[in-house]
Amino acid sequence: MTHLLALDQGTTSSRAIVFSLSGNVLATAQQEFTQHYPKPGWVEHNAEEIWQSQLAVTREAMRRANLAATDIASIGITNQRETTILWERGTGKPVSRAIVWQDRRTAGLCDKLKAAGHERIVREKTGLVLDPYFSATKLNWLLRDDALRSRAEAGELCFGTVDSWLIYNFTAGQVHATDVTNAARTLLLNIHTLQWDEELLKIFGIPRALLPQVKPSSGVFAMTDAGMLSGEIPIAGVAGDQQSALFGQACFKPGMAKNTYGTGSFVVMNTGDTVPAIADGASDDGRIGSGVLCTVAWQIGDAKPCYALEASIFITGAAVQWLRDGLGLIKTAAEVEDLAASVPDSGGVYFVPALAGLGSPHWDASARGTIVGITRGTTAAHLARATLEAIAYQVRDGIDAMKAESGIELRELRVDGGAAINNMLMQFQADMLNTPVIRPKVTETTALGAAYLAGLGVGVLNQNEIESHWQLGQRFEPTMDAKQRDTLHHDWTRAVARASHWIDDESAH
């Protein structure tokens, strides 16, 4: 039992990776699944397809590594967060499609809750903001159906984020549980007590009978059903993808931070075992500080939880996918670097990729994608470069807000995710932050974090060993002069202002 199996269930694909105890990748399998966009601003997944794809890649990764269940010490699960699934407790059948974290259909409900004065209490208890991003309003939307609400109140239905859905299925319906990091993204968990909160349940109209049991991120959740993987394996590590990446990057000390460049980008900073002061209140006008979130980073067994600040940026890698799928400017996402590098700069073009509104630090559900500065000389290469630069600008905005709230100066930014292999983007990111950007040798840090949590959960690893496994791959030092950096960012800020508050209240709903 010298192997760890990480299940990485993401927004566009399901993956499984077999790791050695030292963190080396031994085998991997991946399968994309269908994205559904039934209306503008709506994003859905088929929960059954998520499950079947995850099961298939799990079996395939084990086959490629030539491993039996008895060879695997434990399973770690990491997942797209906030995505909301509702299913029948008895049959395991979903009652609707999953509502994905990117979905904006509940913007109107969030506005009503803000108008009713609930923002402050939500902020104080959850560390989050009232935004369609999180699970509670999505679940409320599903329960607008009176028949479903009655069944929910009767205990006939289960709510879960993707981790809960996978645990339920891997245990053949025997275990309905989640971990503190995923629970902390629902707007229903009090992050001070780590318990579902009665006042929050009342605000969002959620029956308690729906909710999974909340457990630490590391520790044995359950054993897989023997029929799933030809033998029982303990599920001993669970964390939302961004917290898992923070753990996989060995950001164990307060002030250490990472950014994951995926569909969106998520900057997370370890703040230690006390809830940052930002979670304790909102401004009188309802605006929440500088727009960064407080969240639970992880909890190891019965130890105190570790907390974090987070800047959640909705669209970064997805903007490159839009260049490929929506505009046809590139055939593969990997081509964007060469295309962008074929011009010396963006030619004055700025692309604000508010394709699902704006997250941190703006929290503007009514913003929409905007391209400014186009001239007759603008080419596809300029747009490609503007798209990559937009990723770096958004990350800087999030980190600037994080610094303003925490008073912590970032010494370095550890990076991972698909776009972290893009050298041009990493250099521009270092230039925009005026801070070194550090890419590890192993960039599969999201899956690695889940594997490490699972290893800790069954006692085959400790945190000192995990920290010693982290290795530097490449370091990007800032080279841009301050005047150029400030000018570029100033013009980016002007572009963001033009994208903001584009949809009026009625059409946003």
Protein backbone atom coordinates (compact mmCIF):
# COMPACT_ATOMS: atom_id res chain seq x y z
CA MET A 1 0.00 0.00 0.00
CA THR A 2 2.61 2.50 -1.17
CA HIS A 3 0.43 4.45 -3.59
CA LEU A 4 -2.07 7.29 -3.31
CA LEU A 5 -4.95 7.80 -5.73
CA ALA A 6 -6.19 11.34 -6.37
CA LEU A 7 -9.54 11.99 -8.01
CA ASP A 8 -9.54 15.48 -9.56
CA GLN A 9 -13.08 16.29 -10.67
CA GLY A 10 -12.87 19.61 -12.52
CA THR A 11 -15.18 21.94 -14.38
CA THR A 12 -14.48 20.51 -17.83
CA SER A 13 -12.99 17.07 -17.17
CA SER A 14 -12.63 14.27 -14.65
CA ARG A 15 -9.14 13.01 -13.91
CA ALA A 16 -7.51 10.36 -11.77
CA ILE A 17 -3.80 10.35 -10.92
CA VAL A 18 -1.77 7.68 -9.12
CA PHE A 19 1.05 9.12 -7.02
CA SER A 20 3.90 7.54 -5.15
CA LEU A 21 4.21 8.55 -1.50
CA SER A 22 6.97 10.97 -2.54
CA GLY A 23 4.58 12.81 -4.89
CA ASN A 24 5.71 11.43 -8.24
CA VAL A 25 3.06 10.85 -10.91
CA LEU A 26 2.86 7.17 -11.85
CA ALA A 27 -0.26 7.08 -14.02
CA THR A 28 -3.02 9.40 -15.10
CA ALA A 29 -6.33 9.23 -16.95
CA GLN A 30 -8.63 12.04 -18.04
CA GLN A 31 -12.05 12.36 -19.68
CA GLU A 32 -13.88 15.51 -20.71
CA PHE A 33 -17.64 15.78 -20.22
CA THR A 34 -20.45 17.89 -21.66
CA GLN A 35 -20.99 21.55 -20.83
CA HIS A 36 -24.60 22.75 -21.05
CA TYR A 37 -25.51 26.41 -21.63
CA PRO A 38 -29.34 26.44 -21.76
CA LYS A 39 -29.64 30.24 -21.46
CA PRO A 40 -27.22 33.18 -21.38
CA GLY A 41 -25.47 33.14 -18.01
CA TRP A 42 -26.64 29.59 -17.21
CA VAL A 43 -24.09 26.76 -16.94
CA GLU A 44 -25.08 23.16 -16.16
CA HIS A 45 -23.54 19.68 -15.94
CA ASN A 46 -25.10 16.24 -16.03
CA ALA A 47 -24.29 14.88 -12.56
CA GLU A 48 -24.57 11.28 -13.73
CA GLU A 49 -22.04 12.01 -16.49
CA ILE A 50 -19.69 13.50 -13.88
CA TRP A 51 -19.95 10.31 -11.84
CA GLN A 52 -19.54 7.90 -14.75
CA SER A 53 -16.56 9.82 -16.15
CA GLN A 54 -14.88 9.92 -12.74
CA LEU A 55 -15.43 6.21 -12.17
CA ALA A 56 -14.08 5.39 -15.64
CA VAL A 57 -10.86 7.40 -15.25
CA THR A 58 -10.31 6.03 -11.75
CA ARG A 59 -10.42 2.47 -13.06
CA GLU A 60 -8.26 3.42 -16.05
CA ALA A 61 -5.56 5.08 -13.92
CA MET A 62 -5.39 2.00 -11.70
CA ARG A 63 -5.12 -0.20 -14.80
CA ARG A 64 -2.33 1.92 -16.31
CA ALA A 65 -0.41 1.77 -13.04
CA ASN A 66 -1.10 -1.97 -12.84
CA LEU A 67 -2.48 -1.59 -9.32
CA ALA A 68 -5.15 -3.44 -7.37
CA ALA A 69 -7.19 -1.92 -4.56
CA THR A 70 -4.84 -3.52 -2.06
CA ASP A 71 -1.91 -1.51 -3.50
CA ILE A 72 -3.52 1.83 -2.71
CA ALA A 73 -3.19 3.31 0.78
CA SER A 74 -6.04 5.80 0.32
CA ILE A 75 -8.02 7.97 -2.06
CA GLY A 76 -8.10 11.76 -2.04
CA ILE A 77 -10.89 13.72 -3.73
CA THR A 78 -10.59 17.27 -4.99
CA ASN A 79 -13.31 18.97 -6.98
CA GLN A 80 -14.79 21.98 -8.70
CA ARG A 81 -16.35 23.93 -5.84
CA GLU A 82 -19.82 25.47 -5.34
CA THR A 83 -21.41 23.38 -8.13
CA THR A 84 -24.75 22.27 -6.74
CA ILE A 85 -26.28 18.80 -7.08
CA LEU A 86 -29.64 17.58 -5.77
CA TRP A 87 -30.47 13.87 -5.85
CA GLU A 88 -32.83 11.24 -4.47
CA ARG A 89 -31.52 9.72 -1.25
CA GLY A 90 -32.98 6.30 -2.00
CA THR A 91 -32.09 5.85 -5.68
CA GLY A 92 -29.09 8.18 -6.10
CA LYS A 93 -30.78 9.67 -9.15
CA PRO A 94 -30.26 13.42 -9.72
CA VAL A 95 -33.52 15.38 -9.85
CA SER A 96 -32.05 17.97 -12.26
CA ARG A 97 -28.81 18.93 -13.91
CA ALA A 98 -26.09 20.26 -11.63
CA ILE A 99 -25.90 24.06 -11.48
CA VAL A 100 -22.24 24.95 -12.07
CA TRP A 101 -20.27 27.49 -10.03
CA GLN A 102 -20.08 29.79 -13.08
CA ASP A 103 -23.88 30.01 -13.34
CA ARG A 104 -25.37 33.49 -12.80
CA ARG A 105 -29.11 32.77 -12.78
CA THR A 106 -29.54 33.72 -9.12
CA ALA A 107 -28.20 37.29 -9.46
CA GLY A 108 -31.68 38.65 -8.84
CA LEU A 109 -32.12 36.62 -5.66
CA CYS A 110 -28.74 37.84 -4.40
CA ASP A 111 -29.83 41.44 -5.03
CA LYS A 112 -33.03 40.85 -3.05
CA LEU A 113 -31.13 39.34 -0.13
CA LYS A 114 -28.75 42.31 -0.12
CA ALA A 115 -31.71 44.72 -0.19
CA ALA A 116 -33.20 42.85 2.77
CA GLY A 117 -30.02 43.57 4.76
CA HIS A 118 -28.56 40.05 4.93
CA GLU A 119 -25.11 40.80 3.49
CA ARG A 120 -23.46 41.67 6.79
CA ILE A 121 -24.53 38.55 8.70
CA VAL A 122 -23.63 36.34 5.73
CA ARG A 123 -20.21 37.97 5.60
CA GLU A 124 -19.60 37.65 9.33
CA LYS A 125 -20.54 33.98 9.49
CA THR A 126 -19.24 32.64 6.17
CA GLY A 127 -16.41 35.00 5.13
CA LEU A 128 -18.07 35.15 1.69
CA VAL A 129 -20.22 37.64 -0.20
CA LEU A 130 -23.77 37.38 -1.49
CA ASP A 131 -23.09 36.30 -5.05
CA PRO A 132 -24.56 33.70 -7.46
CA TYR A 133 -21.14 31.98 -7.42
CA PHE A 134 -21.88 30.15 -4.18
CA SER A 135 -24.15 27.14 -3.63
CA ALA A 136 -26.95 28.40 -1.38
CA THR A 137 -28.87 30.49 -3.91
CA LYS A 138 -28.45 27.76 -6.55
CA LEU A 139 -30.01 25.26 -4.16
CA ASN A 140 -32.78 27.72 -3.32
CA TRP A 141 -33.47 28.03 -7.07
CA LEU A 142 -33.80 24.25 -7.43
CA LEU A 143 -36.21 24.15 -4.48
CA ARG A 144 -38.57 26.69 -6.02
CA ASP A 145 -40.48 23.60 -7.16
CA ASP A 146 -43.00 22.90 -4.36
CA ALA A 147 -42.89 19.13 -4.87
CA LEU A 148 -39.09 19.06 -4.59
CA ARG A 149 -39.21 21.30 -1.52
CA SER A 150 -41.68 18.95 0.18
CA ARG A 151 -39.47 15.98 -0.60
CA ALA A 152 -36.43 17.86 0.68
CA GLU A 153 -38.13 18.69 3.97
CA ALA A 154 -39.15 15.03 4.31
CA GLY A 155 -35.52 13.92 4.02
CA GLU A 156 -36.01 12.20 0.67
CA LEU A 157 -33.39 14.30 -1.15
CA CYS A 158 -29.67 14.98 -0.70
CA PHE A 159 -27.82 18.17 -1.51
CA GLY A 160 -24.13 18.06 -2.17
CA THR A 161 -21.24 19.72 -3.89
CA VAL A 162 -19.30 17.45 -6.24
CA ASP A 163 -17.22 15.88 -3.46
CA SER A 164 -20.39 14.74 -1.66
CA TRP A 165 -21.80 13.35 -4.90
CA LEU A 166 -18.66 11.29 -5.55
CA ILE A 167 -18.45 10.02 -1.95
CA TYR A 168 -22.11 8.99 -2.09
CA ASN A 169 -21.58 7.08 -5.33
CA PHE A 170 -18.26 5.47 -4.43
CA THR A 171 -19.89 4.16 -1.23
CA ALA A 172 -22.99 2.94 -3.11
CA GLY A 173 -25.19 5.45 -1.29
CA GLN A 174 -24.00 4.61 2.21
CA VAL A 175 -22.27 7.90 3.09
CA HIS A 176 -23.52 11.47 2.63
CA ALA A 177 -20.64 13.71 3.73
CA THR A 178 -18.53 16.71 2.78
CA ASP A 179 -15.40 18.35 4.13
CA VAL A 180 -15.00 21.76 5.75
CA THR A 181 -13.44 23.39 2.67
CA ASN A 182 -16.34 22.53 0.39
CA ALA A 183 -18.94 23.24 3.06
CA ALA A 184 -17.33 26.66 3.56
CA ARG A 185 -18.22 27.56 -0.06
CA THR A 186 -21.98 27.04 0.27
CA LEU A 187 -22.93 30.21 2.26
CA LEU A 188 -24.48 27.81 4.80
CA LEU A 189 -21.49 26.96 7.02
CA ASN A 190 -20.41 29.11 9.94
CA ILE A 191 -16.63 29.12 9.47
CA HIS A 192 -16.07 29.99 13.15
CA THR A 193 -17.92 26.92 14.46
CA LEU A 194 -17.54 24.69 11.34
CA GLN A 195 -21.24 23.82 11.67
CA TRP A 196 -24.24 24.32 9.41
CA ASP A 197 -25.85 27.54 10.66
CA GLU A 198 -29.57 27.73 11.47
CA GLU A 199 -29.80 31.46 10.74
CA LEU A 200 -28.16 31.03 7.34
CA LEU A 201 -30.42 28.07 6.52
CA LYS A 202 -33.41 30.29 7.29
CA ILE A 203 -32.12 33.20 5.18
CA PHE A 204 -31.66 30.95 2.13
CA GLY A 205 -34.69 28.73 2.76
CA ILE A 206 -32.72 25.46 2.93
CA PRO A 207 -34.09 22.44 4.89
CA ARG A 208 -31.44 20.96 7.17
CA ALA A 209 -32.51 17.43 6.17
CA LEU A 210 -30.79 17.94 2.80
CA LEU A 211 -27.32 18.58 4.13
CA PRO A 212 -24.32 16.24 4.30
CA GLN A 213 -22.27 15.60 7.42
CA VAL A 214 -19.28 17.97 7.68
CA LYS A 215 -15.91 16.30 8.31
CA PRO A 216 -12.23 17.40 8.44
CA SER A 217 -10.33 17.50 5.15
CA SER A 218 -7.94 14.75 6.24
CA GLY A 219 -9.14 11.60 7.98
CA VAL A 220 -11.07 8.52 6.90
CA PHE A 221 -14.46 9.51 5.45
CA ALA A 222 -15.56 6.06 4.32
CA MET A 223 -14.50 2.92 2.50
CA THR A 224 -15.34 2.60 -1.18
CA ASP A 225 -17.90 -0.07 -2.02
CA ALA A 226 -15.99 -3.26 -2.87
CA GLY A 227 -17.72 -3.51 -6.25
CA MET A 228 -16.58 -0.09 -7.48
CA LEU A 229 -12.82 -0.65 -7.65
CA SER A 230 -12.59 -4.41 -7.06
CA GLY A 231 -11.91 -3.93 -3.39
CA GLU A 232 -12.38 -1.47 -0.55
CA ILE A 233 -10.12 1.60 -0.39
CA PRO A 234 -10.38 4.30 2.30
CA ILE A 235 -11.38 7.78 1.14
CA ALA A 236 -9.20 9.77 3.54
CA GLY A 237 -8.66 13.21 2.00
CA VAL A 238 -11.22 15.67 0.59
CA ALA A 239 -10.78 19.34 -0.32
CA GLY A 240 -12.10 21.83 -2.83
CA ASP A 241 -9.72 22.30 -5.73
CA GLN A 242 -8.23 25.63 -4.67
CA GLN A 243 -7.60 24.60 -1.07
CA SER A 244 -6.16 21.32 -2.34
CA ALA A 245 -3.74 23.22 -4.59
CA LEU A 246 -2.65 25.40 -1.64
CA PHE A 247 -1.89 22.21 0.30
CA GLY A 248 -0.19 20.58 -2.69
CA GLN A 249 2.03 23.66 -3.04
CA ALA A 250 3.10 23.15 0.61
CA CYS A 251 1.93 26.65 1.55
CA PHE A 252 1.83 25.66 5.21
CA LYS A 253 3.00 28.95 6.75
CA PRO A 254 0.88 32.13 7.11
CA GLY A 255 1.56 34.54 4.25
CA MET A 256 2.40 31.84 1.70
CA ALA A 257 0.17 32.01 -1.38
CA LYS A 258 -0.55 30.23 -4.63
CA ASN A 259 -2.50 30.94 -7.78
CA THR A 260 -4.11 28.25 -9.91
CA TYR A 261 -4.60 29.12 -13.58
CA GLY A 262 -7.52 26.97 -14.66
CA THR A 263 -10.96 27.77 -16.07
CA GLY A 264 -10.80 30.68 -13.66
CA SER A 265 -7.92 31.79 -11.46
CA PHE A 266 -7.92 31.52 -7.70
CA VAL A 267 -5.36 33.21 -5.50
CA VAL A 268 -5.30 31.71 -2.00
CA MET A 269 -3.15 32.88 0.92
CA ASN A 270 -2.62 30.91 4.13
CA THR A 271 -3.56 33.09 7.14
CA GLY A 272 -3.06 30.54 9.94
CA ASP A 273 -5.49 29.13 12.50
CA THR A 274 -7.52 32.26 13.21
CA VAL A 275 -10.25 33.73 11.03
CA PRO A 276 -8.87 36.89 9.36
CA ALA A 277 -10.44 40.13 10.55
CA ILE A 278 -11.95 40.69 7.10
CA ALA A 279 -14.61 38.11 7.95
CA ASP A 280 -15.82 40.08 10.95
CA GLY A 281 -17.82 42.79 9.23
CA ALA A 282 -19.00 44.71 6.20
CA SER A 283 -18.98 48.39 5.39
CA ASP A 284 -22.15 50.39 6.00
CA ASP A 285 -22.91 50.63 2.27
CA GLY A 286 -22.88 46.84 1.98
CA ARG A 287 -19.60 46.68 0.09
CA ILE A 288 -17.35 44.06 1.61
CA GLY A 289 -13.93 45.57 2.08
CA SER A 290 -11.81 45.15 -1.02
CA GLY A 291 -13.74 42.18 -2.30
CA VAL A 292 -11.57 39.26 -1.17
CA LEU A 293 -13.02 36.24 0.59
CA CYS A 294 -12.18 34.44 3.79
CA THR A 295 -12.43 30.66 3.64
CA VAL A 296 -11.34 27.46 5.36
CA ALA A 297 -8.03 26.25 3.89
CA TRP A 298 -8.13 22.76 5.46
CA GLN A 299 -8.56 20.86 8.69
CA ILE A 300 -6.31 17.92 9.59
CA GLY A 301 -8.16 15.48 11.85
CA ASP A 302 -9.27 17.14 15.07
CA ALA A 303 -6.69 19.94 14.89
CA LYS A 304 -7.65 23.59 14.57
CA PRO A 305 -8.63 24.51 11.02
CA CYS A 306 -6.31 26.55 8.85
CA TYR A 307 -7.92 29.62 7.24
CA ALA A 308 -7.13 31.54 4.07
CA LEU A 309 -7.90 34.67 2.11
CA GLU A 310 -8.99 34.11 -1.47
CA ALA A 311 -9.45 36.14 -4.61
CA SER A 312 -11.80 34.26 -6.96
CA ILE A 313 -11.51 35.24 -10.63
CA PHE A 314 -14.14 33.56 -12.77
CA ILE A 315 -12.76 33.63 -16.31
CA THR A 316 -9.08 33.24 -17.20
CA GLY A 317 -8.29 29.96 -18.96
CA ALA A 318 -11.90 29.93 -20.14
CA ALA A 319 -11.14 33.09 -22.12
CA VAL A 320 -8.50 31.15 -24.07
CA GLN A 321 -11.09 28.41 -24.65
CA TRP A 322 -13.41 31.10 -26.02
CA LEU A 323 -10.74 32.23 -28.48
CA ARG A 324 -10.58 28.57 -29.62
CA ASP A 325 -14.24 27.50 -29.52
CA GLY A 326 -16.11 30.78 -29.85
CA LEU A 327 -13.97 32.70 -32.32
CA GLY A 328 -11.90 29.94 -33.94
CA LEU A 329 -8.69 32.02 -33.68
CA ILE A 330 -6.69 29.00 -32.48
CA LYS A 331 -7.15 25.25 -32.89
CA THR A 332 -5.72 24.27 -29.50
CA ALA A 333 -5.31 26.25 -26.29
CA ALA A 334 -1.56 25.63 -26.40
CA GLU A 335 -1.29 27.69 -29.62
CA VAL A 336 -2.19 30.91 -27.82
CA GLU A 337 1.34 31.49 -26.48
CA ASP A 338 3.01 31.41 -29.92
CA LEU A 339 0.27 33.58 -31.43
CA ALA A 340 0.50 36.11 -28.60
CA ALA A 341 4.31 36.14 -28.74
CA SER A 342 4.26 36.98 -32.46
CA VAL A 343 3.57 40.63 -31.55
CA PRO A 344 5.60 42.75 -29.11
CA ASP A 345 2.53 43.95 -27.18
CA SER A 346 -1.27 44.02 -27.37
CA GLY A 347 -1.30 47.08 -29.63
CA GLY A 348 -3.35 48.98 -27.07
CA VAL A 349 -6.08 46.31 -26.99
CA TYR A 350 -7.58 45.32 -23.63
CA PHE A 351 -9.94 42.37 -23.21
CA VAL A 352 -11.98 42.26 -20.00
CA PRO A 353 -13.19 38.62 -19.95
CA ALA A 354 -16.29 39.20 -17.84
CA LEU A 355 -18.01 36.32 -19.63
CA ALA A 356 -19.66 35.27 -16.35
CA GLY A 357 -19.60 38.63 -14.58
CA LEU A 358 -16.64 39.73 -12.48
CA GLY A 359 -15.50 38.06 -9.27
CA SER A 360 -12.85 39.40 -6.87
CA PRO A 361 -12.43 42.19 -6.15
CA HIS A 362 -15.44 43.63 -8.04
CA TRP A 363 -18.26 41.11 -7.45
CA ASP A 364 -20.25 42.50 -10.35
CA ALA A 365 -22.71 39.91 -11.69
CA SER A 366 -23.90 42.41 -14.30
CA ALA A 367 -20.50 42.98 -15.95
CA ARG A 368 -19.98 41.49 -19.41
CA GLY A 369 -17.01 40.75 -21.65
CA THR A 370 -15.59 43.84 -23.31
CA ILE A 371 -12.77 44.48 -25.81
CA VAL A 372 -11.49 48.06 -26.09
CA GLY A 373 -8.73 49.76 -28.06
CA ILE A 374 -9.39 48.01 -31.38
CA THR A 375 -8.07 49.72 -34.53
CA ARG A 376 -7.72 48.74 -38.19
CA GLY A 377 -4.29 47.43 -37.28
CA THR A 378 -5.60 45.01 -34.64
CA THR A 379 -4.95 41.35 -35.45
CA ALA A 380 -5.78 37.98 -33.96
CA ALA A 381 -2.32 38.03 -32.35
CA HIS A 382 -3.11 41.27 -30.52
CA LEU A 383 -6.35 39.77 -29.19
CA ALA A 384 -4.50 36.62 -28.11
CA ARG A 385 -1.93 38.70 -26.26
CA ALA A 386 -4.64 40.87 -24.68
CA THR A 387 -6.33 37.68 -23.46
CA LEU A 388 -3.19 36.41 -21.73
CA GLU A 389 -2.45 39.83 -20.29
CA ALA A 390 -6.03 40.03 -18.94
CA ILE A 391 -5.32 36.93 -16.87
CA ALA A 392 -2.33 38.62 -15.24
CA TYR A 393 -4.18 41.91 -14.70
CA GLN A 394 -7.06 40.15 -12.95
CA VAL A 395 -4.67 38.23 -10.70
CA ARG A 396 -2.92 41.48 -9.79
CA ASP A 397 -6.25 43.10 -8.91
CA GLY A 398 -7.06 40.21 -6.61
CA ILE A 399 -3.65 40.25 -4.92
CA ASP A 400 -3.74 44.04 -4.51
CA ALA A 401 -7.07 43.67 -2.70
CA MET A 402 -5.66 40.85 -0.57
CA LYS A 403 -2.69 43.00 0.44
CA ALA A 404 -5.00 45.90 1.30
CA GLU A 405 -7.13 43.73 3.59
CA SER A 406 -4.43 41.63 5.24
CA GLY A 407 -1.50 44.04 5.35
CA ILE A 408 0.66 41.10 4.23
CA GLU A 409 3.17 41.83 1.47
CA LEU A 410 3.49 38.92 -0.93
CA ARG A 411 7.09 37.67 -1.13
CA GLU A 412 6.44 35.20 -3.93
CA LEU A 413 3.53 33.62 -5.77
CA ARG A 414 3.55 29.86 -6.31
CA VAL A 415 1.67 28.92 -9.47
CA ASP A 416 0.02 25.87 -10.95
CA GLY A 417 -2.79 24.90 -13.32
CA GLY A 418 -2.86 24.49 -17.10
CA ALA A 419 -1.79 28.02 -18.05
CA ALA A 420 1.13 28.00 -15.60
CA ILE A 421 3.20 26.28 -18.29
CA ASN A 422 2.88 29.43 -20.44
CA ASN A 423 6.21 31.18 -19.96
CA MET A 424 5.10 34.44 -21.54
CA LEU A 425 2.13 34.66 -19.18
CA MET A 426 4.24 33.80 -16.12
CA GLN A 427 6.79 36.51 -16.99
CA PHE A 428 4.06 39.10 -17.54
CA GLN A 429 2.49 38.03 -14.24
CA ALA A 430 5.77 38.60 -12.40
CA ASP A 431 6.07 41.99 -14.10
CA MET A 432 2.53 43.03 -13.17
CA LEU A 433 2.97 41.98 -9.53
CA ASN A 434 6.58 43.17 -9.26
CA THR A 435 6.98 39.90 -7.35
CA PRO A 436 8.73 36.63 -8.22
CA VAL A 437 6.48 33.93 -9.69
CA ILE A 438 7.51 30.40 -8.74
CA ARG A 439 6.53 27.34 -10.75
CA PRO A 440 7.14 23.97 -9.07
CA LYS A 441 8.66 20.96 -10.79
CA VAL A 442 5.40 19.02 -10.31
CA THR A 443 2.53 21.26 -11.49
CA GLU A 444 -0.23 18.73 -10.71
CA THR A 445 -0.60 20.41 -7.34
CA THR A 446 -4.39 20.26 -7.08
CA ALA A 447 -4.45 16.48 -7.38
CA LEU A 448 -1.26 16.23 -5.35
CA GLY A 449 -2.85 18.14 -2.46
CA ALA A 450 -5.75 15.66 -2.37
CA ALA A 451 -3.29 12.76 -2.43
CA TYR A 452 -1.27 14.28 0.42
CA LEU A 453 -4.39 14.88 2.52
CA ALA A 454 -5.37 11.25 1.92
CA GLY A 455 -1.89 10.06 2.89
CA LEU A 456 -2.03 12.09 6.10
CA GLY A 457 -5.51 10.73 6.76
CA VAL A 458 -4.26 7.13 6.99
CA GLY A 459 -0.90 7.96 8.57
CA VAL A 460 1.46 7.09 5.70
CA LEU A 461 2.71 10.70 5.42
CA ASN A 462 3.37 13.70 7.66
CA GLN A 463 3.51 17.42 6.80
CA ASN A 464 7.30 17.65 7.15
CA GLU A 465 7.70 14.95 4.50
CA ILE A 466 5.21 16.72 2.24
CA GLU A 467 7.07 20.04 2.58
CA SER A 468 10.36 18.37 1.68
CA HIS A 469 8.86 16.97 -1.56
CA TRP A 470 8.16 20.44 -3.04
CA GLN A 471 10.76 21.28 -5.70
CA LEU A 472 11.38 24.43 -7.71
CA GLY A 473 10.80 24.12 -11.43
CA GLN A 474 11.30 27.68 -12.72
CA ARG A 475 11.46 31.15 -11.18
CA PHE A 476 10.25 34.26 -13.04
CA GLU A 477 11.70 37.56 -11.78
CA PRO A 478 10.04 40.90 -12.59
CA THR A 479 11.89 42.91 -15.24
CA MET A 480 9.38 45.64 -16.25
CA ASP A 481 10.05 49.20 -15.09
CA ALA A 482 7.54 50.78 -12.72
CA LYS A 483 6.29 53.43 -15.17
CA GLN A 484 5.39 50.91 -17.87
CA ARG A 485 3.75 48.60 -15.32
CA ASP A 486 1.64 51.39 -13.85
CA THR A 487 0.60 52.72 -17.27
CA LEU A 488 -0.54 49.31 -18.49
CA HIS A 489 -2.48 48.61 -15.32
CA HIS A 490 -4.07 52.07 -15.35
CA ASP A 491 -5.44 51.47 -18.84
CA TRP A 492 -6.65 48.01 -17.78
CA THR A 493 -8.58 49.65 -14.93
CA ARG A 494 -10.22 52.01 -17.45
CA ALA A 495 -11.26 48.99 -19.54
CA VAL A 496 -12.78 47.26 -16.49
CA ALA A 497 -14.86 50.37 -15.80
CA ARG A 498 -16.36 50.09 -19.28
CA ALA A 499 -17.28 46.42 -18.76
CA SER A 500 -18.86 46.97 -15.35
CA HIS A 501 -22.61 47.14 -14.69
CA TRP A 502 -23.46 46.40 -18.31
CA ILE A 503 -26.65 44.38 -17.79
CA ASP A 504 -29.55 46.26 -16.22
CA ASP A 505 -31.37 44.75 -13.23
CA GLU A 506 -34.29 43.31 -15.16
CA SER A 507 -32.30 41.59 -17.94
CA ALA A 508 -29.75 40.22 -15.45
CA HIS A 509 -32.47 38.12 -13.87
